[in-house]
PDB file of all heavy atoms in Angstrom:
ATOM      1  N   SER A   1     -25.448 -97.330   7.657  1.00  0.00           N
ATOM      2  CA  SER A   1     -26.564 -96.866   6.840  1.00  0.00           C
ATOM      3  C   SER A   1     -27.860 -97.382   7.437  1.00  0.00           C
ATOM      4  O   SER A   1     -27.889 -98.452   8.037  1.00  0.00           O
ATOM      5  CB  SER A   1     -26.415 -97.388   5.408  1.00  0.00           C
ATOM      6  OG  SER A   1     -27.606 -97.223   4.677  1.00  0.00           O
ATOM      7  N   SER A   2     -28.937 -96.615   7.238  1.00  0.00           N
ATOM      8  CA  SER A   2     -30.232 -97.097   7.705  1.00  0.00           C
ATOM      9  C   SER A   2     -30.957 -97.894   6.626  1.00  0.00           C
ATOM     10  O   SER A   2     -32.091 -98.315   6.816  1.00  0.00           O
ATOM     11  CB  SER A   2     -31.099 -95.922   8.174  1.00  0.00           C
ATOM     12  OG  SER A   2     -31.355 -95.053   7.102  1.00  0.00           O
ATOM     13  N   ALA A   3     -30.322 -98.128   5.493  1.00  0.00           N
ATOM     14  CA  ALA A   3     -30.928 -98.938   4.433  1.00  0.00           C
ATOM     15  C   ALA A   3     -30.871-100.409   4.831  1.00  0.00           C
ATOM     16  O   ALA A   3     -29.808-100.938   5.140  1.00  0.00           O
ATOM     17  CB  ALA A   3     -30.202 -98.716   3.112  1.00  0.00           C
ATOM     18  N   TYR A   4     -32.004-101.054   4.833  1.00  0.00           N
ATOM     19  CA  TYR A   4     -32.098-102.460   5.228  1.00  0.00           C
ATOM     20  C   TYR A   4     -31.149-103.326   4.400  1.00  0.00           C
ATOM     21  O   TYR A   4     -30.394-104.135   4.939  1.00  0.00           O
ATOM     22  CB  TYR A   4     -33.540-102.930   5.072  1.00  0.00           C
ATOM     23  CG  TYR A   4     -33.722-104.402   5.333  1.00  0.00           C
ATOM     24  CD1 TYR A   4     -33.828-104.872   6.630  1.00  0.00           C
ATOM     25  CD2 TYR A   4     -33.788-105.309   4.284  1.00  0.00           C
ATOM     26  CE1 TYR A   4     -33.989-106.226   6.883  1.00  0.00           C
ATOM     27  CE2 TYR A   4     -33.950-106.659   4.527  1.00  0.00           C
ATOM     28  CZ  TYR A   4     -34.045-107.116   5.831  1.00  0.00           C
ATOM     29  OH  TYR A   4     -34.192-108.448   6.067  1.00  0.00           O
ATOM     30  N   SER A   5     -31.182-103.147   3.093  1.00  0.00           N
ATOM     31  CA  SER A   5     -30.405-104.022   2.206  1.00  0.00           C
ATOM     32  C   SER A   5     -28.903-103.877   2.407  1.00  0.00           C
ATOM     33  O   SER A   5     -28.155-104.817   2.187  1.00  0.00           O
ATOM     34  CB  SER A   5     -30.756-103.731   0.750  1.00  0.00           C
ATOM     35  OG  SER A   5     -30.449-102.393   0.433  1.00  0.00           O
ATOM     36  N   VAL A   6     -28.463-102.713   2.850  1.00  0.00           N
ATOM     37  CA  VAL A   6     -27.030-102.456   3.006  1.00  0.00           C
ATOM     38  C   VAL A   6     -26.477-103.120   4.261  1.00  0.00           C
ATOM     39  O   VAL A   6     -25.382-103.666   4.250  1.00  0.00           O
ATOM     40  CB  VAL A   6     -26.756-100.934   3.051  1.00  0.00           C
ATOM     41  CG1 VAL A   6     -25.315-100.634   3.378  1.00  0.00           C
ATOM     42  CG2 VAL A   6     -27.153-100.291   1.730  1.00  0.00           C
ATOM     43  N   ASN A   7     -27.211-103.085   5.362  1.00  0.00           N
ATOM     44  CA  ASN A   7     -26.628-103.456   6.644  1.00  0.00           C
ATOM     45  C   ASN A   7     -27.228-104.627   7.384  1.00  0.00           C
ATOM     46  O   ASN A   7     -26.689-105.021   8.407  1.00  0.00           O
ATOM     47  CB  ASN A   7     -26.679-102.241   7.577  1.00  0.00           C
ATOM     48  CG  ASN A   7     -25.540-101.303   7.320  1.00  0.00           C
ATOM     49  OD1 ASN A   7     -24.404-101.720   7.252  1.00  0.00           O
ATOM     50  ND2 ASN A   7     -25.857-100.042   7.177  1.00  0.00           N
ATOM     51  N   SER A   8     -28.326-105.178   6.932  1.00  0.00           N
ATOM     52  CA  SER A   8     -28.957-106.230   7.734  1.00  0.00           C
ATOM     53  C   SER A   8     -28.028-107.430   7.945  1.00  0.00           C
ATOM     54  O   SER A   8     -27.913-107.927   9.060  1.00  0.00           O
ATOM     55  CB  SER A   8     -30.282-106.662   7.111  1.00  0.00           C
ATOM     56  OG  SER A   8     -30.094-107.131   5.803  1.00  0.00           O
ATOM     57  N   SER A   9     -27.357-107.895   6.918  1.00  0.00           N
ATOM     58  CA  SER A   9     -26.474-109.064   7.055  1.00  0.00           C
ATOM     59  C   SER A   9     -25.249-108.759   7.905  1.00  0.00           C
ATOM     60  O   SER A   9     -24.873-109.548   8.772  1.00  0.00           O
ATOM     61  CB  SER A   9     -26.029-109.563   5.682  1.00  0.00           C
ATOM     62  OG  SER A   9     -27.124-110.100   4.993  1.00  0.00           O
ATOM     63  N   LEU A  10     -24.614-107.621   7.669  1.00  0.00           N
ATOM     64  CA  LEU A  10     -23.423-107.252   8.431  1.00  0.00           C
ATOM     65  C   LEU A  10     -23.745-107.121   9.917  1.00  0.00           C
ATOM     66  O   LEU A  10     -23.067-107.682  10.767  1.00  0.00           O
ATOM     67  CB  LEU A  10     -22.833-105.942   7.908  1.00  0.00           C
ATOM     68  CG  LEU A  10     -21.684-105.363   8.735  1.00  0.00           C
ATOM     69  CD1 LEU A  10     -20.488-106.299   8.736  1.00  0.00           C
ATOM     70  CD2 LEU A  10     -21.294-103.989   8.203  1.00  0.00           C
ATOM     71  N   GLY A  11     -24.795-106.380  10.240  1.00  0.00           N
ATOM     72  CA  GLY A  11     -25.176-106.201  11.636  1.00  0.00           C
ATOM     73  C   GLY A  11     -25.530-107.526  12.289  1.00  0.00           C
ATOM     74  O   GLY A  11     -25.128-107.798  13.424  1.00  0.00           O
ATOM     75  N   PHE A  12     -26.275-108.356  11.575  1.00  0.00           N
ATOM     76  CA  PHE A  12     -26.655-109.663  12.110  1.00  0.00           C
ATOM     77  C   PHE A  12     -25.416-110.496  12.419  1.00  0.00           C
ATOM     78  O   PHE A  12     -25.313-111.093  13.495  1.00  0.00           O
ATOM     79  CB  PHE A  12     -27.567-110.398  11.131  1.00  0.00           C
ATOM     80  CG  PHE A  12     -28.080-111.698  11.675  1.00  0.00           C
ATOM     81  CD1 PHE A  12     -29.276-111.748  12.367  1.00  0.00           C
ATOM     82  CD2 PHE A  12     -27.355-112.870  11.501  1.00  0.00           C
ATOM     83  CE1 PHE A  12     -29.753-112.944  12.888  1.00  0.00           C
ATOM     84  CE2 PHE A  12     -27.826-114.075  12.019  1.00  0.00           C
ATOM     85  CZ  PHE A  12     -29.022-114.106  12.719  1.00  0.00           C
ATOM     86  N   ARG A  13     -24.473-110.554  11.488  1.00  0.00           N
ATOM     87  CA  ARG A  13     -23.267-111.367  11.698  1.00  0.00           C
ATOM     88  C   ARG A  13     -22.486-110.897  12.921  1.00  0.00           C
ATOM     89  O   ARG A  13     -21.970-111.716  13.683  1.00  0.00           O
ATOM     90  CB  ARG A  13     -22.372-111.335  10.457  1.00  0.00           C
ATOM     91  CG  ARG A  13     -22.853-112.254   9.358  1.00  0.00           C
ATOM     92  CD  ARG A  13     -21.818-112.458   8.266  1.00  0.00           C
ATOM     93  NE  ARG A  13     -21.247-111.226   7.740  1.00  0.00           N
ATOM     94  CZ  ARG A  13     -21.755-110.524   6.730  1.00  0.00           C
ATOM     95  NH1 ARG A  13     -22.867-110.920   6.143  1.00  0.00           N
ATOM     96  NH2 ARG A  13     -21.160-109.429   6.311  1.00  0.00           N
ATOM     97  N   ARG A  14     -22.382-109.594  13.113  1.00  0.00           N
ATOM     98  CA  ARG A  14     -21.636-109.076  14.274  1.00  0.00           C
ATOM     99  C   ARG A  14     -22.268-109.527  15.583  1.00  0.00           C
ATOM    100  O   ARG A  14     -21.589-110.048  16.468  1.00  0.00           O
ATOM    101  CB  ARG A  14     -21.616-107.549  14.254  1.00  0.00           C
ATOM    102  CG  ARG A  14     -20.676-106.946  13.255  1.00  0.00           C
ATOM    103  CD  ARG A  14     -20.763-105.443  13.390  1.00  0.00           C
ATOM    104  NE  ARG A  14     -20.065-104.750  12.325  1.00  0.00           N
ATOM    105  CZ  ARG A  14     -20.257-103.479  12.029  1.00  0.00           C
ATOM    106  NH1 ARG A  14     -21.134-102.752  12.713  1.00  0.00           N
ATOM    107  NH2 ARG A  14     -19.579-102.919  11.054  1.00  0.00           N
ATOM    108  N   VAL A  15     -23.582-109.294  15.722  1.00  0.00           N
ATOM    109  CA  VAL A  15     -24.243-109.619  16.986  1.00  0.00           C
ATOM    110  C   VAL A  15     -24.378-111.139  17.152  1.00  0.00           C
ATOM    111  O   VAL A  15     -24.210-111.659  18.252  1.00  0.00           O
ATOM    112  CB  VAL A  15     -25.598-108.898  17.118  1.00  0.00           C
ATOM    113  CG1 VAL A  15     -26.248-109.210  18.453  1.00  0.00           C
ATOM    114  CG2 VAL A  15     -25.408-107.384  16.986  1.00  0.00           C
ATOM    115  N   ALA A  16     -24.637-111.847  16.061  1.00  0.00           N
ATOM    116  CA  ALA A  16     -24.707-113.312  16.133  1.00  0.00           C
ATOM    117  C   ALA A  16     -23.363-113.881  16.584  1.00  0.00           C
ATOM    118  O   ALA A  16     -23.330-114.864  17.333  1.00  0.00           O
ATOM    119  CB  ALA A  16     -25.117-113.897  14.789  1.00  0.00           C
ATOM    120  N   GLY A  17     -22.275-113.269  16.168  1.00  0.00           N
ATOM    121  CA  GLY A  17     -20.956-113.710  16.617  1.00  0.00           C
ATOM    122  C   GLY A  17     -20.853-113.716  18.132  1.00  0.00           C
ATOM    123  O   GLY A  17     -20.290-114.642  18.728  1.00  0.00           O
ATOM    124  N   TYR A  18     -21.408-112.693  18.758  1.00  0.00           N
ATOM    125  CA  TYR A  18     -21.400-112.610  20.221  1.00  0.00           C
ATOM    126  C   TYR A  18     -22.186-113.766  20.834  1.00  0.00           C
ATOM    127  O   TYR A  18     -21.686-114.465  21.719  1.00  0.00           O
ATOM    128  CB  TYR A  18     -21.973-111.269  20.693  1.00  0.00           C
ATOM    129  CG  TYR A  18     -22.202-111.223  22.183  1.00  0.00           C
ATOM    130  CD1 TYR A  18     -21.130-111.090  23.063  1.00  0.00           C
ATOM    131  CD2 TYR A  18     -23.476-111.355  22.716  1.00  0.00           C
ATOM    132  CE1 TYR A  18     -21.318-111.083  24.439  1.00  0.00           C
ATOM    133  CE2 TYR A  18     -23.683-111.356  24.092  1.00  0.00           C
ATOM    134  CZ  TYR A  18     -22.608-111.219  24.954  1.00  0.00           C
ATOM    135  OH  TYR A  18     -22.807-111.225  26.308  1.00  0.00           O
ATOM    136  N   ILE A  19     -23.414-114.004  20.369  1.00  0.00           N
ATOM    137  CA  ILE A  19     -24.239-115.039  21.010  1.00  0.00           C
ATOM    138  C   ILE A  19     -23.805-116.460  20.636  1.00  0.00           C
ATOM    139  O   ILE A  19     -24.095-117.403  21.360  1.00  0.00           O
ATOM    140  CB  ILE A  19     -25.757-114.848  20.756  1.00  0.00           C
ATOM    141  CG1 ILE A  19     -26.133-115.118  19.312  1.00  0.00           C
ATOM    142  CG2 ILE A  19     -26.228-113.493  21.236  1.00  0.00           C
ATOM    143  CD1 ILE A  19     -27.626-115.277  19.091  1.00  0.00           C
ATOM    144  N   PHE A  20     -23.087-116.619  19.535  1.00  0.00           N
ATOM    145  CA  PHE A  20     -22.623-117.952  19.142  1.00  0.00           C
ATOM    146  C   PHE A  20     -21.269-118.295  19.755  1.00  0.00           C
ATOM    147  O   PHE A  20     -20.622-119.248  19.345  1.00  0.00           O
ATOM    148  CB  PHE A  20     -22.586-118.095  17.624  1.00  0.00           C
ATOM    149  CG  PHE A  20     -23.944-118.000  16.965  1.00  0.00           C
ATOM    150  CD1 PHE A  20     -24.073-117.474  15.696  1.00  0.00           C
ATOM    151  CD2 PHE A  20     -25.089-118.428  17.611  1.00  0.00           C
ATOM    152  CE1 PHE A  20     -25.315-117.379  15.084  1.00  0.00           C
ATOM    153  CE2 PHE A  20     -26.345-118.339  17.014  1.00  0.00           C
ATOM    154  CZ  PHE A  20     -26.453-117.814  15.750  1.00  0.00           C
ATOM    155  N   GLY A  21     -20.834-117.504  20.738  1.00  0.00           N
ATOM    156  CA  GLY A  21     -19.618-117.834  21.472  1.00  0.00           C
ATOM    157  C   GLY A  21     -18.493-116.830  21.357  1.00  0.00           C
ATOM    158  O   GLY A  21     -17.449-117.009  21.978  1.00  0.00           O
ATOM    159  N   GLY A  22     -18.664-115.774  20.583  1.00  0.00           N
ATOM    160  CA  GLY A  22     -17.623-114.754  20.445  1.00  0.00           C
ATOM    161  C   GLY A  22     -17.670-113.766  21.600  1.00  0.00           C
ATOM    162  O   GLY A  22     -17.857-112.568  21.398  1.00  0.00           O
ATOM    163  N   ASN A  23     -17.508-114.298  22.809  1.00  0.00           N
ATOM    164  CA  ASN A  23     -17.510-113.467  24.005  1.00  0.00           C
ATOM    165  C   ASN A  23     -16.413-113.964  24.937  1.00  0.00           C
ATOM    166  O   ASN A  23     -15.797-114.993  24.670  1.00  0.00           O
ATOM    167  CB  ASN A  23     -18.898-113.486  24.666  1.00  0.00           C
ATOM    168  CG  ASN A  23     -19.400-114.883  24.958  1.00  0.00           C
ATOM    169  OD1 ASN A  23     -18.815-115.613  25.758  1.00  0.00           O
ATOM    170  ND2 ASN A  23     -20.493-115.282  24.293  1.00  0.00           N
ATOM    171  N   GLU A  24     -16.170-113.249  26.010  1.00  0.00           N
ATOM    172  CA  GLU A  24     -15.015-113.564  26.852  1.00  0.00           C
ATOM    173  C   GLU A  24     -15.058-114.964  27.470  1.00  0.00           C
ATOM    174  O   GLU A  24     -14.014-115.508  27.810  1.00  0.00           O
ATOM    175  CB  GLU A  24     -14.847-112.522  27.953  1.00  0.00           C
ATOM    176  CG  GLU A  24     -15.891-112.584  29.035  1.00  0.00           C
ATOM    177  CD  GLU A  24     -15.634-111.631  30.193  1.00  0.00           C
ATOM    178  OE1 GLU A  24     -14.656-110.875  30.148  1.00  0.00           O
ATOM    179  OE2 GLU A  24     -16.440-111.651  31.134  1.00  0.00           O
ATOM    180  N   LYS A  25     -16.213-115.567  27.590  1.00  0.00           N
ATOM    181  CA  LYS A  25     -16.323-116.910  28.168  1.00  0.00           C
ATOM    182  C   LYS A  25     -16.505-117.991  27.103  1.00  0.00           C
ATOM    183  O   LYS A  25     -16.585-119.168  27.437  1.00  0.00           O
ATOM    184  CB  LYS A  25     -17.501-116.970  29.143  1.00  0.00           C
ATOM    185  CG  LYS A  25     -17.307-116.116  30.378  1.00  0.00           C
ATOM    186  CD  LYS A  25     -18.487-116.265  31.304  1.00  0.00           C
ATOM    187  CE  LYS A  25     -18.303-115.410  32.544  1.00  0.00           C
ATOM    188  NZ  LYS A  25     -19.488-115.468  33.414  1.00  0.00           N
ATOM    189  N   GLY A  26     -16.619-117.593  25.829  1.00  0.00           N
ATOM    190  CA  GLY A  26     -16.884-118.568  24.775  1.00  0.00           C
ATOM    191  C   GLY A  26     -18.255-119.208  24.941  1.00  0.00           C
ATOM    192  O   GLY A  26     -18.520-120.294  24.427  1.00  0.00           O
TER     193      GLY A  26
END
């Protein structure tokens, strides 16, 4: 959804997971 309130937290958690070590090298 393009609604800020619906997706801001979910999208943030997904991408933050990558930068906080959720990648192939940890």
